[in-house]
Structures are given as C-alpha cells and as structure tokens.
Amino acid sequence: MIEVSRTLMKSEPELAELVATVEGVEVTMAEKGFGTRVLLRASEHSGLHEADLEALLDRFAEPQRRPFS
C-alpha cells in the first residue's frame, strides 16, 4: 500500500465534496485541532505513485471559494 497523510485546514464536509470525485483511492478523515487529518491510500497495483497522492492532497488544500474576488 502507498500512503500519504496531511492535516488540511478544511472541514470534513468541505473535503467530502472533493473526495467524492476521486476514484481508486481509499480516503480516511478525522478532525484534528482546527483542521482535518486526511489519509490517502492506494494499492501498489493501482498505477498511482506517492507523488500522485501528494498532488491530490495539494488539490484538496487549495481554496475553493474566494470571498473577496
């Protein structure tokens, strides 16, 4: 298994919307302090690499709404 994790400054409902678009990756979330700890797992046979999972976490961490645009 390939695993990466990070604490993101988003709520679980916000992340759940983003996670719903991802296939082939197991996602575990848990509240942690002011954010949500996100753990991504993929099978070694999935064709994904650790860098791919890190890129997903980066995408999840990006702001989705810009209130003062």
PDB file of N, CA and C in Angstrom:
ATOM      1  N   MET A   1       0.828  -1.183   0.000  1.00  0.00           N
ATOM      2  CA  MET A   1       0.000   0.000   0.000  1.00  0.00           C
ATOM      3  C   MET A   1       0.877   1.253   0.000  1.00  0.00           C
ATOM      4  N   ILE A   2       0.414   2.237  -0.720  1.00  0.00           N
ATOM      5  CA  ILE A   2       1.052   3.549  -0.733  1.00  0.00           C
ATOM      6  C   ILE A   2       0.180   4.454   0.123  1.00  0.00           C
ATOM      7  N   GLU A   3       0.780   5.168   1.073  1.00  0.00           N
ATOM      8  CA  GLU A   3       0.021   6.039   1.964  1.00  0.00           C
ATOM      9  C   GLU A   3       0.664   7.406   2.065  1.00  0.00           C
ATOM     10  N   VAL A   4      -0.171   8.422   2.113  1.00  0.00           N
ATOM     11  CA  VAL A   4       0.271   9.786   2.421  1.00  0.00           C
ATOM     12  C   VAL A   4      -0.797  10.409   3.315  1.00  0.00           C
ATOM     13  N   SER A   5      -0.370  11.318   4.194  1.00  0.00           N
ATOM     14  CA  SER A   5      -1.344  11.980   5.051  1.00  0.00           C
ATOM     15  C   SER A   5      -0.887  13.403   5.334  1.00  0.00           C
ATOM     16  N   ARG A   6      -1.872  14.222   5.660  1.00  0.00           N
ATOM     17  CA  ARG A   6      -1.616  15.624   5.950  1.00  0.00           C
ATOM     18  C   ARG A   6      -2.833  16.188   6.676  1.00  0.00           C
ATOM     19  N   THR A   7      -2.598  17.188   7.527  1.00  0.00           N
ATOM     20  CA  THR A   7      -3.705  17.900   8.149  1.00  0.00           C
ATOM     21  C   THR A   7      -4.020  19.119   7.296  1.00  0.00           C
ATOM     22  N   LEU A   8      -5.260  19.211   6.842  1.00  0.00           N
ATOM     23  CA  LEU A   8      -5.702  20.311   5.986  1.00  0.00           C
ATOM     24  C   LEU A   8      -6.624  21.226   6.769  1.00  0.00           C
ATOM     25  N   MET A   9      -6.570  22.506   6.492  1.00  0.00           N
ATOM     26  CA  MET A   9      -7.385  23.488   7.190  1.00  0.00           C
ATOM     27  C   MET A   9      -8.759  23.633   6.526  1.00  0.00           C
ATOM     28  N   LYS A  10      -9.464  22.521   6.461  1.00  0.00           N
ATOM     29  CA  LYS A  10     -10.816  22.486   5.907  1.00  0.00           C
ATOM     30  C   LYS A  10     -11.644  21.565   6.774  1.00  0.00           C
ATOM     31  N   SER A  11     -12.950  21.760   6.733  1.00  0.00           N
ATOM     32  CA  SER A  11     -13.855  20.896   7.489  1.00  0.00           C
ATOM     33  C   SER A  11     -14.096  19.596   6.722  1.00  0.00           C
ATOM     34  N   GLU A  12     -14.576  18.597   7.443  1.00  0.00           N
ATOM     35  CA  GLU A  12     -14.874  17.315   6.795  1.00  0.00           C
ATOM     36  C   GLU A  12     -15.915  17.453   5.688  1.00  0.00           C
ATOM     37  N   PRO A  13     -16.997  18.243   5.881  1.00  0.00           N
ATOM     38  CA  PRO A  13     -17.967  18.388   4.778  1.00  0.00           C
ATOM     39  C   PRO A  13     -17.351  19.000   3.516  1.00  0.00           C
ATOM     40  N   GLU A  14     -16.466  19.985   3.678  1.00  0.00           N
ATOM     41  CA  GLU A  14     -15.798  20.576   2.509  1.00  0.00           C
ATOM     42  C   GLU A  14     -14.964  19.538   1.788  1.00  0.00           C
ATOM     43  N   LEU A  15     -14.220  18.750   2.560  1.00  0.00           N
ATOM     44  CA  LEU A  15     -13.355  17.732   1.967  1.00  0.00           C
ATOM     45  C   LEU A  15     -14.163  16.590   1.364  1.00  0.00           C
ATOM     46  N   ALA A  16     -15.295  16.269   1.967  1.00  0.00           N
ATOM     47  CA  ALA A  16     -16.121  15.169   1.453  1.00  0.00           C
ATOM     48  C   ALA A  16     -16.568  15.447   0.025  1.00  0.00           C
ATOM     49  N   GLU A  17     -16.878  16.711  -0.286  1.00  0.00           N
ATOM     50  CA  GLU A  17     -17.256  17.077  -1.660  1.00  0.00           C
ATOM     51  C   GLU A  17     -16.115  16.797  -2.632  1.00  0.00           C
ATOM     52  N   LEU A  18     -14.890  17.119  -2.224  1.00  0.00           N
ATOM     53  CA  LEU A  18     -13.733  16.918  -3.095  1.00  0.00           C
ATOM     54  C   LEU A  18     -13.377  15.445  -3.217  1.00  0.00           C
ATOM     55  N   VAL A  19     -13.466  14.724  -2.108  1.00  0.00           N
ATOM     56  CA  VAL A  19     -13.111  13.304  -2.078  1.00  0.00           C
ATOM     57  C   VAL A  19     -14.060  12.492  -2.947  1.00  0.00           C
ATOM     58  N   ALA A  20     -15.308  12.920  -3.046  1.00  0.00           N
ATOM     59  CA  ALA A  20     -16.304  12.195  -3.831  1.00  0.00           C
ATOM     60  C   ALA A  20     -15.915  12.088  -5.308  1.00  0.00           C
ATOM     61  N   THR A  21     -15.051  12.983  -5.770  1.00  0.00           N
ATOM     62  CA  THR A  21     -14.648  12.975  -7.176  1.00  0.00           C
ATOM     63  C   THR A  21     -13.465  12.056  -7.461  1.00  0.00           C
ATOM     64  N   VAL A  22     -12.877  11.479  -6.424  1.00  0.00           N
ATOM     65  CA  VAL A  22     -11.666  10.663  -6.571  1.00  0.00           C
ATOM     66  C   VAL A  22     -12.028   9.189  -6.553  1.00  0.00           C
ATOM     67  N   GLU A  23     -11.511   8.439  -7.527  1.00  0.00           N
ATOM     68  CA  GLU A  23     -11.754   7.001  -7.592  1.00  0.00           C
ATOM     69  C   GLU A  23     -10.444   6.239  -7.468  1.00  0.00           C
ATOM     70  N   GLY A  24     -10.511   5.041  -6.919  1.00  0.00           N
ATOM     71  CA  GLY A  24      -9.340   4.188  -6.813  1.00  0.00           C
ATOM     72  C   GLY A  24      -8.431   4.517  -5.650  1.00  0.00           C
ATOM     73  N   VAL A  25      -8.883   5.420  -4.766  1.00  0.00           N
ATOM     74  CA  VAL A  25      -8.086   5.817  -3.614  1.00  0.00           C
ATOM     75  C   VAL A  25      -8.956   5.702  -2.369  1.00  0.00           C
ATOM     76  N   GLU A  26      -8.433   5.077  -1.338  1.00  0.00           N
ATOM     77  CA  GLU A  26      -9.136   4.983  -0.063  1.00  0.00           C
ATOM     78  C   GLU A  26      -8.818   6.230   0.751  1.00  0.00           C
ATOM     79  N   VAL A  27      -9.835   6.901   1.243  1.00  0.00           N
ATOM     80  CA  VAL A  27      -9.663   8.152   1.981  1.00  0.00           C
ATOM     81  C   VAL A  27     -10.218   7.998   3.389  1.00  0.00           C
ATOM     82  N   THR A  28      -9.412   8.361   4.382  1.00  0.00           N
ATOM     83  CA  THR A  28      -9.836   8.374   5.773  1.00  0.00           C
ATOM     84  C   THR A  28      -9.660   9.786   6.295  1.00  0.00           C
ATOM     85  N   MET A  29     -10.696  10.311   6.970  1.00  0.00           N
ATOM     86  CA  MET A  29     -10.626  11.668   7.516  1.00  0.00           C
ATOM     87  C   MET A  29     -10.964  11.652   9.000  1.00  0.00           C
ATOM     88  N   ALA A  30     -10.302  12.536   9.758  1.00  0.00           N
ATOM     89  CA  ALA A  30     -10.579  12.683  11.183  1.00  0.00           C
ATOM     90  C   ALA A  30     -10.285  14.116  11.593  1.00  0.00           C
ATOM     91  N   GLU A  31     -11.158  14.680  12.422  1.00  0.00           N
ATOM     92  CA  GLU A  31     -10.933  16.037  12.899  1.00  0.00           C
ATOM     93  C   GLU A  31      -9.660  16.073  13.734  1.00  0.00           C
ATOM     94  N   LYS A  32      -8.888  17.147  13.549  1.00  0.00           N
ATOM     95  CA  LYS A  32      -7.660  17.303  14.316  1.00  0.00           C
ATOM     96  C   LYS A  32      -7.427  18.795  14.515  1.00  0.00           C
ATOM     97  N   GLY A  33      -7.605  19.275  15.728  1.00  0.00           N
ATOM     98  CA  GLY A  33      -7.395  20.683  16.015  1.00  0.00           C
ATOM     99  C   GLY A  33      -8.323  21.551  15.190  1.00  0.00           C
ATOM    100  N   PHE A  34      -7.741  22.475  14.439  1.00  0.00           N
ATOM    101  CA  PHE A  34      -8.527  23.387  13.608  1.00  0.00           C
ATOM    102  C   PHE A  34      -8.717  22.871  12.188  1.00  0.00           C
ATOM    103  N   GLY A  35      -8.302  21.653  11.919  1.00  0.00           N
ATOM    104  CA  GLY A  35      -8.404  21.126  10.561  1.00  0.00           C
ATOM    105  C   GLY A  35      -8.895  19.695  10.540  1.00  0.00           C
ATOM    106  N   THR A  36      -8.593  19.024   9.461  1.00  0.00           N
ATOM    107  CA  THR A  36      -8.987  17.633   9.273  1.00  0.00           C
ATOM    108  C   THR A  36      -7.770  16.849   8.793  1.00  0.00           C
ATOM    109  N   ARG A  37      -7.473  15.764   9.475  1.00  0.00           N
ATOM    110  CA  ARG A  37      -6.380  14.884   9.079  1.00  0.00           C
ATOM    111  C   ARG A  37      -6.891  13.989   7.956  1.00  0.00           C
ATOM    112  N   VAL A  38      -6.212  14.011   6.814  1.00  0.00           N
ATOM    113  CA  VAL A  38      -6.625  13.232   5.651  1.00  0.00           C
ATOM    114  C   VAL A  38      -5.545  12.206   5.349  1.00  0.00           C
ATOM    115  N   LEU A  39      -5.942  10.956   5.257  1.00  0.00           N
ATOM    116  CA  LEU A  39      -5.038   9.862   4.910  1.00  0.00           C
ATOM    117  C   LEU A  39      -5.518   9.272   3.594  1.00  0.00           C
ATOM    118  N   LEU A  40      -4.625   9.227   2.617  1.00  0.00           N
ATOM    119  CA  LEU A  40      -4.930   8.629   1.313  1.00  0.00           C
ATOM    120  C   LEU A  40      -4.143   7.340   1.173  1.00  0.00           C
ATOM    121  N   ARG A  41      -4.810   6.293   0.692  1.00  0.00           N
ATOM    122  CA  ARG A  41      -4.164   5.003   0.452  1.00  0.00           C
ATOM    123  C   ARG A  41      -4.523   4.511  -0.937  1.00  0.00           C
ATOM    124  N   ALA A  42      -3.542   3.907  -1.576  1.00  0.00           N
ATOM    125  CA  ALA A  42      -3.776   3.294  -2.882  1.00  0.00           C
ATOM    126  C   ALA A  42      -2.969   2.005  -2.960  1.00  0.00           C
ATOM    127  N   SER A  43      -3.500   1.063  -3.657  1.00  0.00           N
ATOM    128  CA  SER A  43      -2.792  -0.197  -3.871  1.00  0.00           C
ATOM    129  C   SER A  43      -1.576   0.048  -4.756  1.00  0.00           C
ATOM    130  N   GLU A  44      -0.534  -0.704  -4.521  1.00  0.00           N
ATOM    131  CA  GLU A  44       0.667  -0.573  -5.355  1.00  0.00           C
ATOM    132  C   GLU A  44       0.379  -0.950  -6.804  1.00  0.00           C
ATOM    133  N   HIS A  45      -0.678  -1.706  -7.024  1.00  0.00           N
ATOM    134  CA  HIS A  45      -1.045  -2.147  -8.366  1.00  0.00           C
ATOM    135  C   HIS A  45      -2.027  -1.195  -9.046  1.00  0.00           C
ATOM    136  N   SER A  46      -2.338  -0.086  -8.395  1.00  0.00           N
ATOM    137  CA  SER A  46      -3.309   0.874  -8.940  1.00  0.00           C
ATOM    138  C   SER A  46      -2.718   1.746 -10.045  1.00  0.00           C
ATOM    139  N   GLY A  47      -1.395   1.748 -10.159  1.00  0.00           N
ATOM    140  CA  GLY A  47      -0.753   2.601 -11.151  1.00  0.00           C
ATOM    141  C   GLY A  47      -0.452   3.993 -10.605  1.00  0.00           C
ATOM    142  N   LEU A  48      -0.853   4.257  -9.361  1.00  0.00           N
ATOM    143  CA  LEU A  48      -0.586   5.548  -8.734  1.00  0.00           C
ATOM    144  C   LEU A  48       0.724   5.486  -7.957  1.00  0.00           C
ATOM    145  N   HIS A  49       1.345   6.633  -7.826  1.00  0.00           N
ATOM    146  CA  HIS A  49       2.592   6.739  -7.066  1.00  0.00           C
ATOM    147  C   HIS A  49       2.370   7.692  -5.900  1.00  0.00           C
ATOM    148  N   GLU A  50       3.323   7.715  -4.981  1.00  0.00           N
ATOM    149  CA  GLU A  50       3.224   8.614  -3.831  1.00  0.00           C
ATOM    150  C   GLU A  50       3.067  10.066  -4.276  1.00  0.00           C
ATOM    151  N   ALA A  51       3.765  10.453  -5.323  1.00  0.00           N
ATOM    152  CA  ALA A  51       3.664  11.826  -5.838  1.00  0.00           C
ATOM    153  C   ALA A  51       2.246  12.143  -6.322  1.00  0.00           C
ATOM    154  N   ASP A  52       1.556  11.152  -6.876  1.00  0.00           N
ATOM    155  CA  ASP A  52       0.167  11.358  -7.315  1.00  0.00           C
ATOM    156  C   ASP A  52      -0.745  11.632  -6.119  1.00  0.00           C
ATOM    157  N   LEU A  53      -0.538  10.890  -5.035  1.00  0.00           N
ATOM    158  CA  LEU A  53      -1.344  11.093  -3.839  1.00  0.00           C
ATOM    159  C   LEU A  53      -1.032  12.441  -3.194  1.00  0.00           C
ATOM    160  N   GLU A  54       0.244  12.828  -3.197  1.00  0.00           N
ATOM    161  CA  GLU A  54       0.625  14.149  -2.676  1.00  0.00           C
ATOM    162  C   GLU A  54      -0.039  15.259  -3.494  1.00  0.00           C
ATOM    163  N   ALA A  55      -0.107  15.071  -4.805  1.00  0.00           N
ATOM    164  CA  ALA A  55      -0.757  16.059  -5.673  1.00  0.00           C
ATOM    165  C   ALA A  55      -2.251  16.166  -5.350  1.00  0.00           C
ATOM    166  N   LEU A  56      -2.881  15.037  -5.032  1.00  0.00           N
ATOM    167  CA  LEU A  56      -4.287  15.064  -4.620  1.00  0.00           C
ATOM    168  C   LEU A  56      -4.464  15.870  -3.336  1.00  0.00           C
ATOM    169  N   LEU A  57      -3.579  15.648  -2.369  1.00  0.00           N
ATOM    170  CA  LEU A  57      -3.646  16.419  -1.126  1.00  0.00           C
ATOM    171  C   LEU A  57      -3.454  17.908  -1.396  1.00  0.00           C
ATOM    172  N   ASP A  58      -2.542  18.238  -2.311  1.00  0.00           N
ATOM    173  CA  ASP A  58      -2.342  19.644  -2.679  1.00  0.00           C
ATOM    174  C   ASP A  58      -3.625  20.230  -3.254  1.00  0.00           C
ATOM    175  N   ARG A  59      -4.280  19.461  -4.105  1.00  0.00           N
ATOM    176  CA  ARG A  59      -5.531  19.926  -4.713  1.00  0.00           C
ATOM    177  C   ARG A  59      -6.622  20.117  -3.659  1.00  0.00           C
ATOM    178  N   PHE A  60      -6.693  19.185  -2.701  1.00  0.00           N
ATOM    179  CA  PHE A  60      -7.674  19.303  -1.630  1.00  0.00           C
ATOM    180  C   PHE A  60      -7.409  20.529  -0.763  1.00  0.00           C
ATOM    181  N   ALA A  61      -6.148  20.901  -0.599  1.00  0.00           N
ATOM    182  CA  ALA A  61      -5.772  22.006   0.280  1.00  0.00           C
ATOM    183  C   ALA A  61      -6.028  23.374  -0.340  1.00  0.00           C
ATOM    184  N   GLU A  62      -6.131  23.449  -1.668  1.00  0.00           N
ATOM    185  CA  GLU A  62      -6.340  24.733  -2.334  1.00  0.00           C
ATOM    186  C   GLU A  62      -7.687  25.331  -1.955  1.00  0.00           C
ATOM    187  N   PRO A  63      -7.744  26.660  -1.796  1.00  0.00           N
ATOM    188  CA  PRO A  63      -9.032  27.298  -1.505  1.00  0.00           C
ATOM    189  C   PRO A  63      -9.992  27.098  -2.673  1.00  0.00           C
ATOM    190  N   GLN A  64     -11.240  26.777  -2.363  1.00  0.00           N
ATOM    191  CA  GLN A  64     -12.239  26.542  -3.394  1.00  0.00           C
ATOM    192  C   GLN A  64     -13.065  27.790  -3.679  1.00  0.00           C
ATOM    193  N   ARG A  65     -13.216  28.612  -2.650  1.00  0.00           N
ATOM    194  CA  ARG A  65     -14.014  29.825  -2.804  1.00  0.00           C
ATOM    195  C   ARG A  65     -13.163  31.016  -2.420  1.00  0.00           C
ATOM    196  N   ARG A  66     -13.283  32.080  -3.167  1.00  0.00           N
ATOM    197  CA  ARG A  66     -12.567  33.302  -2.865  1.00  0.00           C
ATOM    198  C   ARG A  66     -13.595  34.363  -2.510  1.00  0.00           C
ATOM    199  N   PRO A  67     -13.765  34.656  -1.215  1.00  0.00           N
ATOM    200  CA  PRO A  67     -14.856  35.515  -0.789  1.00  0.00           C
ATOM    201  C   PRO A  67     -14.757  36.970  -1.255  1.00  0.00           C
ATOM    202  N   PHE A  68     -13.581  37.470  -1.565  1.00  0.00           N
ATOM    203  CA  PHE A  68     -13.426  38.876  -1.924  1.00  0.00           C
ATOM    204  C   PHE A  68     -12.975  39.070  -3.350  1.00  0.00           C
ATOM    205  N   SER A  69     -13.323  38.175  -4.239  1.00  0.00           N
ATOM    206  CA  SER A  69     -12.911  38.280  -5.639  1.00  0.00           C
ATOM    207  C   SER A  69     -13.750  39.291  -6.380  1.00  0.00           C
TER     208      SER A  69
END
